[in-house]
């Protein structure tokens, strides 16, 4: 049996955030949107105490590398659409398991 684990790491800088509450609202909205539309799990793993910076990771498991990549590519496009210039960097990695 073959399966692949894929991760999408998003480095986000919410320049308009004036407080942690502002940033958390943007991050929560992004996470809710991606969870609702894609077969992925999400967690904020960095920048929790920063007023403007965050690192969010999305994870998916699929029976093929292509399936994992398609899910994460689609989530990446959605993140770009939602965040615009606030998305500083995005990196996808797919690993066989």
PDB file of N, CA and C in Angstrom:
ATOM      1  N   UNK A   1       0.846  -1.179   0.000  1.00  0.00           N
ATOM      2  CA  UNK A   1       0.000   0.000   0.000  1.00  0.00           C
ATOM      3  C   UNK A   1       0.894   1.246   0.000  1.00  0.00           C
ATOM      4  N   UNK A   2       0.583   2.153  -0.867  1.00  0.00           N
ATOM      5  CA  UNK A   2       1.382   3.366  -1.013  1.00  0.00           C
ATOM      6  C   UNK A   2       0.579   4.573  -0.566  1.00  0.00           C
ATOM      7  N   UNK A   3       1.231   5.472   0.158  1.00  0.00           N
ATOM      8  CA  UNK A   3       0.589   6.739   0.491  1.00  0.00           C
ATOM      9  C   UNK A   3       1.650   7.836   0.520  1.00  0.00           C
ATOM     10  N   UNK A   4       1.189   9.045   0.341  1.00  0.00           N
ATOM     11  CA  UNK A   4       2.070  10.208   0.313  1.00  0.00           C
ATOM     12  C   UNK A   4       1.533  11.270   1.266  1.00  0.00           C
ATOM     13  N   UNK A   5       2.450  11.905   1.981  1.00  0.00           N
ATOM     14  CA  UNK A   5       2.116  12.979   2.896  1.00  0.00           C
ATOM     15  C   UNK A   5       2.642  14.266   2.280  1.00  0.00           C
ATOM     16  N   UNK A   6       1.775  15.245   2.161  1.00  0.00           N
ATOM     17  CA  UNK A   6       2.172  16.519   1.577  1.00  0.00           C
ATOM     18  C   UNK A   6       1.995  17.647   2.565  1.00  0.00           C
ATOM     19  N   UNK A   7       2.931  18.593   2.544  1.00  0.00           N
ATOM     20  CA  UNK A   7       2.832  19.773   3.398  1.00  0.00           C
ATOM     21  C   UNK A   7       2.933  21.039   2.561  1.00  0.00           C
ATOM     22  N   UNK A   8       2.206  22.028   2.958  1.00  0.00           N
ATOM     23  CA  UNK A   8       2.260  23.362   2.368  1.00  0.00           C
ATOM     24  C   UNK A   8       2.565  24.324   3.502  1.00  0.00           C
ATOM     25  N   UNK A   9       3.738  24.940   3.464  1.00  0.00           N
ATOM     26  CA  UNK A   9       4.159  25.875   4.504  1.00  0.00           C
ATOM     27  C   UNK A   9       3.976  27.297   3.979  1.00  0.00           C
ATOM     28  N   UNK A  10       3.210  28.097   4.715  1.00  0.00           N
ATOM     29  CA  UNK A  10       2.903  29.475   4.320  1.00  0.00           C
ATOM     30  C   UNK A  10       3.505  30.445   5.327  1.00  0.00           C
ATOM     31  N   UNK A  11       4.370  31.333   4.862  1.00  0.00           N
ATOM     32  CA  UNK A  11       4.893  32.420   5.700  1.00  0.00           C
ATOM     33  C   UNK A  11       4.069  33.661   5.374  1.00  0.00           C
ATOM     34  N   UNK A  12       3.443  34.197   6.408  1.00  0.00           N
ATOM     35  CA  UNK A  12       2.473  35.274   6.233  1.00  0.00           C
ATOM     36  C   UNK A  12       2.899  36.494   7.048  1.00  0.00           C
ATOM     37  N   UNK A  13       2.784  37.661   6.433  1.00  0.00           N
ATOM     38  CA  UNK A  13       3.028  38.931   7.118  1.00  0.00           C
ATOM     39  C   UNK A  13       1.785  39.802   6.903  1.00  0.00           C
ATOM     40  N   UNK A  14       0.995  39.944   7.940  1.00  0.00           N
ATOM     41  CA  UNK A  14      -0.240  40.722   7.859  1.00  0.00           C
ATOM     42  C   UNK A  14       0.104  42.172   8.198  1.00  0.00           C
ATOM     43  N   UNK A  15       0.504  42.911   7.187  1.00  0.00           N
ATOM     44  CA  UNK A  15       0.960  44.280   7.381  1.00  0.00           C
ATOM     45  C   UNK A  15      -0.082  45.213   7.944  1.00  0.00           C
ATOM     46  N   UNK A  16      -1.333  44.922   7.712  1.00  0.00           N
ATOM     47  CA  UNK A  16      -2.411  45.801   8.185  1.00  0.00           C
ATOM     48  C   UNK A  16      -2.806  45.525   9.638  1.00  0.00           C
ATOM     49  N   UNK A  17      -2.286  44.434  10.229  1.00  0.00           N
ATOM     50  CA  UNK A  17      -2.662  44.083  11.604  1.00  0.00           C
ATOM     51  C   UNK A  17      -2.062  45.066  12.602  1.00  0.00           C
ATOM     52  N   UNK A  18      -2.882  45.619  13.449  1.00  0.00           N
ATOM     53  CA  UNK A  18      -2.429  46.546  14.488  1.00  0.00           C
ATOM     54  C   UNK A  18      -2.380  45.872  15.858  1.00  0.00           C
ATOM     55  N   UNK A  19      -2.894  44.641  15.917  1.00  0.00           N
ATOM     56  CA  UNK A  19      -2.895  43.897  17.174  1.00  0.00           C
ATOM     57  C   UNK A  19      -2.882  42.408  16.866  1.00  0.00           C
ATOM     58  N   UNK A  20      -2.619  41.608  17.906  1.00  0.00           N
ATOM     59  CA  UNK A  20      -2.693  40.153  17.743  1.00  0.00           C
ATOM     60  C   UNK A  20      -4.094  39.729  17.314  1.00  0.00           C
ATOM     61  N   UNK A  21      -5.094  40.419  17.835  1.00  0.00           N
ATOM     62  CA  UNK A  21      -6.479  40.102  17.483  1.00  0.00           C
ATOM     63  C   UNK A  21      -6.721  40.285  15.988  1.00  0.00           C
ATOM     64  N   UNK A  22      -6.194  41.360  15.405  1.00  0.00           N
ATOM     65  CA  UNK A  22      -6.327  41.600  13.965  1.00  0.00           C
ATOM     66  C   UNK A  22      -5.688  40.471  13.164  1.00  0.00           C
ATOM     67  N   UNK A  23      -4.455  40.106  13.545  1.00  0.00           N
ATOM     68  CA  UNK A  23      -3.749  39.053  12.825  1.00  0.00           C
ATOM     69  C   UNK A  23      -4.474  37.720  12.966  1.00  0.00           C
ATOM     70  N   UNK A  24      -4.902  37.405  14.172  1.00  0.00           N
ATOM     71  CA  UNK A  24      -5.572  36.122  14.407  1.00  0.00           C
ATOM     72  C   UNK A  24      -6.865  36.006  13.617  1.00  0.00           C
ATOM     73  N   UNK A  25      -7.538  37.125  13.411  1.00  0.00           N
ATOM     74  CA  UNK A  25      -8.765  37.116  12.613  1.00  0.00           C
ATOM     75  C   UNK A  25      -8.446  36.728  11.165  1.00  0.00           C
ATOM     76  N   UNK A  26      -7.371  37.303  10.611  1.00  0.00           N
ATOM     77  CA  UNK A  26      -6.952  36.972   9.241  1.00  0.00           C
ATOM     78  C   UNK A  26      -6.558  35.506   9.146  1.00  0.00           C
ATOM     79  N   UNK A  27      -5.771  35.022  10.104  1.00  0.00           N
ATOM     80  CA  UNK A  27      -5.296  33.632  10.084  1.00  0.00           C
ATOM     81  C   UNK A  27      -6.461  32.668  10.268  1.00  0.00           C
ATOM     82  N   UNK A  28      -7.360  32.956  11.192  1.00  0.00           N
ATOM     83  CA  UNK A  28      -8.521  32.087  11.420  1.00  0.00           C
ATOM     84  C   UNK A  28      -9.387  32.010  10.164  1.00  0.00           C
ATOM     85  N   UNK A  29      -9.595  33.149   9.527  1.00  0.00           N
ATOM     86  CA  UNK A  29     -10.394  33.191   8.303  1.00  0.00           C
ATOM     87  C   UNK A  29      -9.746  32.345   7.205  1.00  0.00           C
ATOM     88  N   UNK A  30      -8.433  32.483   7.056  1.00  0.00           N
ATOM     89  CA  UNK A  30      -7.720  31.681   6.059  1.00  0.00           C
ATOM     90  C   UNK A  30      -7.840  30.197   6.362  1.00  0.00           C
ATOM     91  N   UNK A  31      -7.596  29.808   7.598  1.00  0.00           N
ATOM     92  CA  UNK A  31      -7.671  28.393   7.973  1.00  0.00           C
ATOM     93  C   UNK A  31      -9.072  27.831   7.744  1.00  0.00           C
ATOM     94  N   UNK A  32     -10.094  28.569   8.142  1.00  0.00           N
ATOM     95  CA  UNK A  32     -11.476  28.111   7.950  1.00  0.00           C
ATOM     96  C   UNK A  32     -11.797  27.950   6.467  1.00  0.00           C
ATOM     97  N   UNK A  33     -11.360  28.898   5.664  1.00  0.00           N
ATOM     98  CA  UNK A  33     -11.614  28.864   4.216  1.00  0.00           C
ATOM     99  C   UNK A  33     -10.927  27.664   3.564  1.00  0.00           C
ATOM    100  N   UNK A  34      -9.656  27.436   3.917  1.00  0.00           N
ATOM    101  CA  UNK A  34      -8.919  26.316   3.314  1.00  0.00           C
ATOM    102  C   UNK A  34      -9.470  24.964   3.772  1.00  0.00           C
ATOM    103  N   UNK A  35      -9.827  24.858   5.052  1.00  0.00           N
ATOM    104  CA  UNK A  35     -10.397  23.602   5.561  1.00  0.00           C
ATOM    105  C   UNK A  35     -11.716  23.271   4.875  1.00  0.00           C
ATOM    106  N   UNK A  36     -12.526  24.289   4.654  1.00  0.00           N
ATOM    107  CA  UNK A  36     -13.847  24.070   4.066  1.00  0.00           C
ATOM    108  C   UNK A  36     -13.776  23.638   2.600  1.00  0.00           C
ATOM    109  N   UNK A  37     -12.754  24.070   1.883  1.00  0.00           N
ATOM    110  CA  UNK A  37     -12.700  23.838   0.435  1.00  0.00           C
ATOM    111  C   UNK A  37     -11.704  22.785  -0.014  1.00  0.00           C
ATOM    112  N   UNK A  38     -10.848  22.319   0.892  1.00  0.00           N
ATOM    113  CA  UNK A  38      -9.796  21.372   0.506  1.00  0.00           C
ATOM    114  C   UNK A  38      -9.686  20.270   1.555  1.00  0.00           C
ATOM    115  N   UNK A  39      -9.181  19.126   1.153  1.00  0.00           N
ATOM    116  CA  UNK A  39      -9.042  17.993   2.057  1.00  0.00           C
ATOM    117  C   UNK A  39      -7.696  18.096   2.783  1.00  0.00           C
ATOM    118  N   UNK A  40      -7.588  19.084   3.705  1.00  0.00           N
ATOM    119  CA  UNK A  40      -6.331  19.335   4.393  1.00  0.00           C
ATOM    120  C   UNK A  40      -6.570  19.656   5.861  1.00  0.00           C
ATOM    121  N   UNK A  41      -5.522  19.460   6.666  1.00  0.00           N
ATOM    122  CA  UNK A  41      -5.523  19.900   8.059  1.00  0.00           C
ATOM    123  C   UNK A  41      -4.560  21.075   8.157  1.00  0.00           C
ATOM    124  N   UNK A  42      -4.849  22.036   9.032  1.00  0.00           N
ATOM    125  CA  UNK A  42      -4.016  23.234   9.158  1.00  0.00           C
ATOM    126  C   UNK A  42      -3.675  23.517  10.604  1.00  0.00           C
ATOM    127  N   UNK A  43      -2.481  24.117  10.787  1.00  0.00           N
ATOM    128  CA  UNK A  43      -2.067  24.560  12.114  1.00  0.00           C
ATOM    129  C   UNK A  43      -1.146  25.765  11.971  1.00  0.00           C
ATOM    130  N   UNK A  44      -1.289  26.696  12.896  1.00  0.00           N
ATOM    131  CA  UNK A  44      -0.351  27.811  12.962  1.00  0.00           C
ATOM    132  C   UNK A  44       0.806  27.337  13.828  1.00  0.00           C
ATOM    133  N   UNK A  45       2.004  27.275  13.254  1.00  0.00           N
ATOM    134  CA  UNK A  45       3.142  26.708  13.988  1.00  0.00           C
ATOM    135  C   UNK A  45       4.201  27.744  14.352  1.00  0.00           C
ATOM    136  N   UNK A  46       4.037  28.976  13.913  1.00  0.00           N
ATOM    137  CA  UNK A  46       5.022  30.006  14.227  1.00  0.00           C
ATOM    138  C   UNK A  46       4.397  31.377  14.245  1.00  0.00           C
ATOM    139  N   UNK A  47       4.996  32.250  15.028  1.00  0.00           N
ATOM    140  CA  UNK A  47       4.551  33.630  15.079  1.00  0.00           C
ATOM    141  C   UNK A  47       3.300  33.870  15.890  1.00  0.00           C
ATOM    142  N   UNK A  48       2.945  32.928  16.763  1.00  0.00           N
ATOM    143  CA  UNK A  48       1.705  33.093  17.528  1.00  0.00           C
ATOM    144  C   UNK A  48       1.707  34.367  18.373  1.00  0.00           C
ATOM    145  N   UNK A  49       2.871  34.794  18.849  1.00  0.00           N
ATOM    146  CA  UNK A  49       2.942  35.988  19.687  1.00  0.00           C
ATOM    147  C   UNK A  49       3.342  37.244  18.912  1.00  0.00           C
ATOM    148  N   UNK A  50       3.530  37.106  17.599  1.00  0.00           N
ATOM    149  CA  UNK A  50       3.893  38.250  16.766  1.00  0.00           C
ATOM    150  C   UNK A  50       2.624  38.962  16.307  1.00  0.00           C
ATOM    151  N   UNK A  51       2.688  40.268  16.264  1.00  0.00           N
ATOM    152  CA  UNK A  51       1.519  41.063  15.868  1.00  0.00           C
ATOM    153  C   UNK A  51       1.207  40.935  14.385  1.00  0.00           C
ATOM    154  N   UNK A  52       2.231  40.664  13.544  1.00  0.00           N
ATOM    155  CA  UNK A  52       1.992  40.654  12.100  1.00  0.00           C
ATOM    156  C   UNK A  52       2.467  39.396  11.382  1.00  0.00           C
ATOM    157  N   UNK A  53       3.329  38.596  11.994  1.00  0.00           N
ATOM    158  CA  UNK A  53       3.912  37.444  11.306  1.00  0.00           C
ATOM    159  C   UNK A  53       3.309  36.134  11.778  1.00  0.00           C
ATOM    160  N   UNK A  54       3.222  35.182  10.844  1.00  0.00           N
ATOM    161  CA  UNK A  54       2.667  33.868  11.149  1.00  0.00           C
ATOM    162  C   UNK A  54       3.232  32.839  10.185  1.00  0.00           C
ATOM    163  N   UNK A  55       3.310  31.610  10.660  1.00  0.00           N
ATOM    164  CA  UNK A  55       3.637  30.476   9.803  1.00  0.00           C
ATOM    165  C   UNK A  55       2.505  29.466   9.960  1.00  0.00           C
ATOM    166  N   UNK A  56       1.856  29.156   8.845  1.00  0.00           N
ATOM    167  CA  UNK A  56       0.747  28.200   8.834  1.00  0.00           C
ATOM    168  C   UNK A  56       1.145  27.032   7.950  1.00  0.00           C
ATOM    169  N   UNK A  57       0.896  25.817   8.442  1.00  0.00           N
ATOM    170  CA  UNK A  57       1.210  24.620   7.668  1.00  0.00           C
ATOM    171  C   UNK A  57      -0.072  23.849   7.404  1.00  0.00           C
ATOM    172  N   UNK A  58      -0.233  23.438   6.151  1.00  0.00           N
ATOM    173  CA  UNK A  58      -1.347  22.583   5.744  1.00  0.00           C
ATOM    174  C   UNK A  58      -0.775  21.206   5.439  1.00  0.00           C
ATOM    175  N   UNK A  59      -1.509  20.168   5.795  1.00  0.00           N
ATOM    176  CA  UNK A  59      -1.058  18.796   5.584  1.00  0.00           C
ATOM    177  C   UNK A  59      -2.179  17.993   4.947  1.00  0.00           C
ATOM    178  N   UNK A  60      -1.792  17.126   4.013  1.00  0.00           N
ATOM    179  CA  UNK A  60      -2.752  16.202   3.409  1.00  0.00           C
ATOM    180  C   UNK A  60      -2.097  14.847   3.227  1.00  0.00           C
ATOM    181  N   UNK A  61      -2.908  13.822   3.173  1.00  0.00           N
ATOM    182  CA  UNK A  61      -2.449  12.459   2.905  1.00  0.00           C
ATOM    183  C   UNK A  61      -3.238  11.954   1.711  1.00  0.00           C
ATOM    184  N   UNK A  62      -2.524  11.356   0.750  1.00  0.00           N
ATOM    185  CA  UNK A  62      -3.178  10.846  -0.461  1.00  0.00           C
ATOM    186  C   UNK A  62      -2.515   9.537  -0.877  1.00  0.00           C
ATOM    187  N   UNK A  63      -3.203   8.804  -1.744  1.00  0.00           N
ATOM    188  CA  UNK A  63      -2.651   7.534  -2.194  1.00  0.00           C
ATOM    189  C   UNK A  63      -1.672   7.694  -3.354  1.00  0.00           C
ATOM    190  N   UNK A  64      -1.483   8.921  -3.820  1.00  0.00           N
ATOM    191  CA  UNK A  64      -0.497   9.174  -4.879  1.00  0.00           C
ATOM    192  C   UNK A  64       0.138  10.538  -4.670  1.00  0.00           C
ATOM    193  N   UNK A  65       1.326  10.698  -5.200  1.00  0.00           N
ATOM    194  CA  UNK A  65       1.999  11.997  -5.130  1.00  0.00           C
ATOM    195  C   UNK A  65       1.184  13.049  -5.870  1.00  0.00           C
ATOM    196  N   UNK A  66       0.613  12.644  -6.999  1.00  0.00           N
ATOM    197  CA  UNK A  66      -0.191  13.566  -7.803  1.00  0.00           C
ATOM    198  C   UNK A  66      -1.405  14.070  -7.023  1.00  0.00           C
ATOM    199  N   UNK A  67      -2.068  13.185  -6.305  1.00  0.00           N
ATOM    200  CA  UNK A  67      -3.243  13.576  -5.519  1.00  0.00           C
ATOM    201  C   UNK A  67      -2.888  14.558  -4.420  1.00  0.00           C
ATOM    202  N   UNK A  68      -1.785  14.302  -3.726  1.00  0.00           N
ATOM    203  CA  UNK A  68      -1.342  15.209  -2.670  1.00  0.00           C
ATOM    204  C   UNK A  68      -0.958  16.562  -3.259  1.00  0.00           C
ATOM    205  N   UNK A  69      -0.233  16.543  -4.373  1.00  0.00           N
ATOM    206  CA  UNK A  69       0.201  17.802  -4.995  1.00  0.00           C
ATOM    207  C   UNK A  69      -0.994  18.612  -5.484  1.00  0.00           C
ATOM    208  N   UNK A  70      -1.982  17.948  -6.076  1.00  0.00           N
ATOM    209  CA  UNK A  70      -3.165  18.666  -6.569  1.00  0.00           C
ATOM    210  C   UNK A  70      -3.899  19.358  -5.424  1.00  0.00           C
ATOM    211  N   UNK A  71      -4.066  18.656  -4.302  1.00  0.00           N
ATOM    212  CA  UNK A  71      -4.764  19.242  -3.150  1.00  0.00           C
ATOM    213  C   UNK A  71      -4.012  20.456  -2.627  1.00  0.00           C
ATOM    214  N   UNK A  72      -2.700  20.346  -2.515  1.00  0.00           N
ATOM    215  CA  UNK A  72      -1.911  21.442  -1.959  1.00  0.00           C
ATOM    216  C   UNK A  72      -1.740  22.593  -2.951  1.00  0.00           C
ATOM    217  N   UNK A  73      -1.621  22.279  -4.240  1.00  0.00           N
ATOM    218  CA  UNK A  73      -1.567  23.348  -5.245  1.00  0.00           C
ATOM    219  C   UNK A  73      -2.850  24.177  -5.224  1.00  0.00           C
ATOM    220  N   UNK A  74      -3.970  23.485  -5.100  1.00  0.00           N
ATOM    221  CA  UNK A  74      -5.257  24.168  -5.043  1.00  0.00           C
ATOM    222  C   UNK A  74      -5.362  25.033  -3.780  1.00  0.00           C
ATOM    223  N   UNK A  75      -4.900  24.495  -2.641  1.00  0.00           N
ATOM    224  CA  UNK A  75      -4.911  25.266  -1.395  1.00  0.00           C
ATOM    225  C   UNK A  75      -3.980  26.471  -1.503  1.00  0.00           C
ATOM    226  N   UNK A  76      -2.842  26.295  -2.161  1.00  0.00           N
ATOM    227  CA  UNK A  76      -1.899  27.401  -2.349  1.00  0.00           C
ATOM    228  C   UNK A  76      -2.538  28.515  -3.175  1.00  0.00           C
ATOM    229  N   UNK A  77      -3.195  28.150  -4.265  1.00  0.00           N
ATOM    230  CA  UNK A  77      -3.874  29.154  -5.101  1.00  0.00           C
ATOM    231  C   UNK A  77      -4.919  29.914  -4.292  1.00  0.00           C
ATOM    232  N   UNK A  78      -5.643  29.202  -3.455  1.00  0.00           N
ATOM    233  CA  UNK A  78      -6.664  29.827  -2.603  1.00  0.00           C
ATOM    234  C   UNK A  78      -6.012  30.786  -1.604  1.00  0.00           C
ATOM    235  N   UNK A  79      -4.879  30.380  -1.024  1.00  0.00           N
ATOM    236  CA  UNK A  79      -4.167  31.238  -0.078  1.00  0.00           C
ATOM    237  C   UNK A  79      -3.667  32.507  -0.762  1.00  0.00           C
ATOM    238  N   UNK A  80      -3.144  32.369  -1.976  1.00  0.00           N
ATOM    239  CA  UNK A  80      -2.689  33.528  -2.739  1.00  0.00           C
ATOM    240  C   UNK A  80      -3.858  34.474  -2.980  1.00  0.00           C
ATOM    241  N   UNK A  81      -4.995  33.927  -3.353  1.00  0.00           N
ATOM    242  CA  UNK A  81      -6.184  34.728  -3.598  1.00  0.00           C
ATOM    243  C   UNK A  81      -6.659  35.438  -2.328  1.00  0.00           C
ATOM    244  N   UNK A  82      -6.630  34.740  -1.210  1.00  0.00           N
ATOM    245  CA  UNK A  82      -7.126  35.292   0.050  1.00  0.00           C
ATOM    246  C   UNK A  82      -6.171  36.309   0.662  1.00  0.00           C
ATOM    247  N   UNK A  83      -4.864  36.053   0.555  1.00  0.00           N
ATOM    248  CA  UNK A  83      -3.886  36.874   1.267  1.00  0.00           C
ATOM    249  C   UNK A  83      -3.213  37.951   0.418  1.00  0.00           C
ATOM    250  N   UNK A  84      -3.126  37.723  -0.877  1.00  0.00           N
ATOM    251  CA  UNK A  84      -2.444  38.685  -1.742  1.00  0.00           C
ATOM    252  C   UNK A  84      -0.999  38.891  -1.321  1.00  0.00           C
ATOM    253  N   UNK A  85      -0.622  40.148  -1.125  1.00  0.00           N
ATOM    254  CA  UNK A  85       0.768  40.487  -0.766  1.00  0.00           C
ATOM    255  C   UNK A  85       1.150  40.050   0.637  1.00  0.00           C
ATOM    256  N   UNK A  86       0.184  39.729   1.473  1.00  0.00           N
ATOM    257  CA  UNK A  86       0.496  39.268   2.830  1.00  0.00           C
ATOM    258  C   UNK A  86       1.168  37.896   2.831  1.00  0.00           C
ATOM    259  N   UNK A  87       1.026  37.144   1.757  1.00  0.00           N
ATOM    260  CA  UNK A  87       1.692  35.844   1.654  1.00  0.00           C
ATOM    261  C   UNK A  87       3.117  36.076   1.165  1.00  0.00           C
ATOM    262  N   UNK A  88       4.076  35.898   2.064  1.00  0.00           N
ATOM    263  CA  UNK A  88       5.476  36.155   1.746  1.00  0.00           C
ATOM    264  C   UNK A  88       6.151  34.989   1.053  1.00  0.00           C
ATOM    265  N   UNK A  89       5.817  33.765   1.466  1.00  0.00           N
ATOM    266  CA  UNK A  89       6.486  32.586   0.919  1.00  0.00           C
ATOM    267  C   UNK A  89       5.571  31.377   1.066  1.00  0.00           C
ATOM    268  N   UNK A  90       5.664  30.486   0.113  1.00  0.00           N
ATOM    269  CA  UNK A  90       4.920  29.230   0.176  1.00  0.00           C
ATOM    270  C   UNK A  90       5.816  28.118  -0.350  1.00  0.00           C
ATOM    271  N   UNK A  91       5.811  26.994   0.352  1.00  0.00           N
ATOM    272  CA  UNK A  91       6.642  25.864  -0.054  1.00  0.00           C
ATOM    273  C   UNK A  91       5.853  24.568   0.101  1.00  0.00           C
ATOM    274  N   UNK A  92       5.873  23.747  -0.935  1.00  0.00           N
ATOM    275  CA  UNK A  92       5.188  22.453  -0.920  1.00  0.00           C
ATOM    276  C   UNK A  92       6.234  21.347  -0.911  1.00  0.00           C
ATOM    277  N   UNK A  93       6.019  20.347  -0.067  1.00  0.00           N
ATOM    278  CA  UNK A  93       6.852  19.156  -0.044  1.00  0.00           C
ATOM    279  C   UNK A  93       5.946  17.939   0.010  1.00  0.00           C
ATOM    280  N   UNK A  94       6.289  16.928  -0.787  1.00  0.00           N
ATOM    281  CA  UNK A  94       5.545  15.668  -0.807  1.00  0.00           C
ATOM    282  C   UNK A  94       6.529  14.549  -0.462  1.00  0.00           C
ATOM    283  N   UNK A  95       6.148  13.724   0.512  1.00  0.00           N
ATOM    284  CA  UNK A  95       7.012  12.625   0.936  1.00  0.00           C
ATOM    285  C   UNK A  95       6.265  11.296   0.846  1.00  0.00           C
ATOM    286  N   UNK A  96       6.914  10.248   0.329  1.00  0.00           N
ATOM    287  CA  UNK A  96       6.290   8.929   0.355  1.00  0.00           C
ATOM    288  C   UNK A  96       6.306   8.411   1.790  1.00  0.00           C
ATOM    289  N   UNK A  97       5.283   7.644   2.127  1.00  0.00           N
ATOM    290  CA  UNK A  97       5.187   7.126   3.498  1.00  0.00           C
ATOM    291  C   UNK A  97       4.986   5.638   3.450  1.00  0.00           C
TER     292      UNK A  97
END
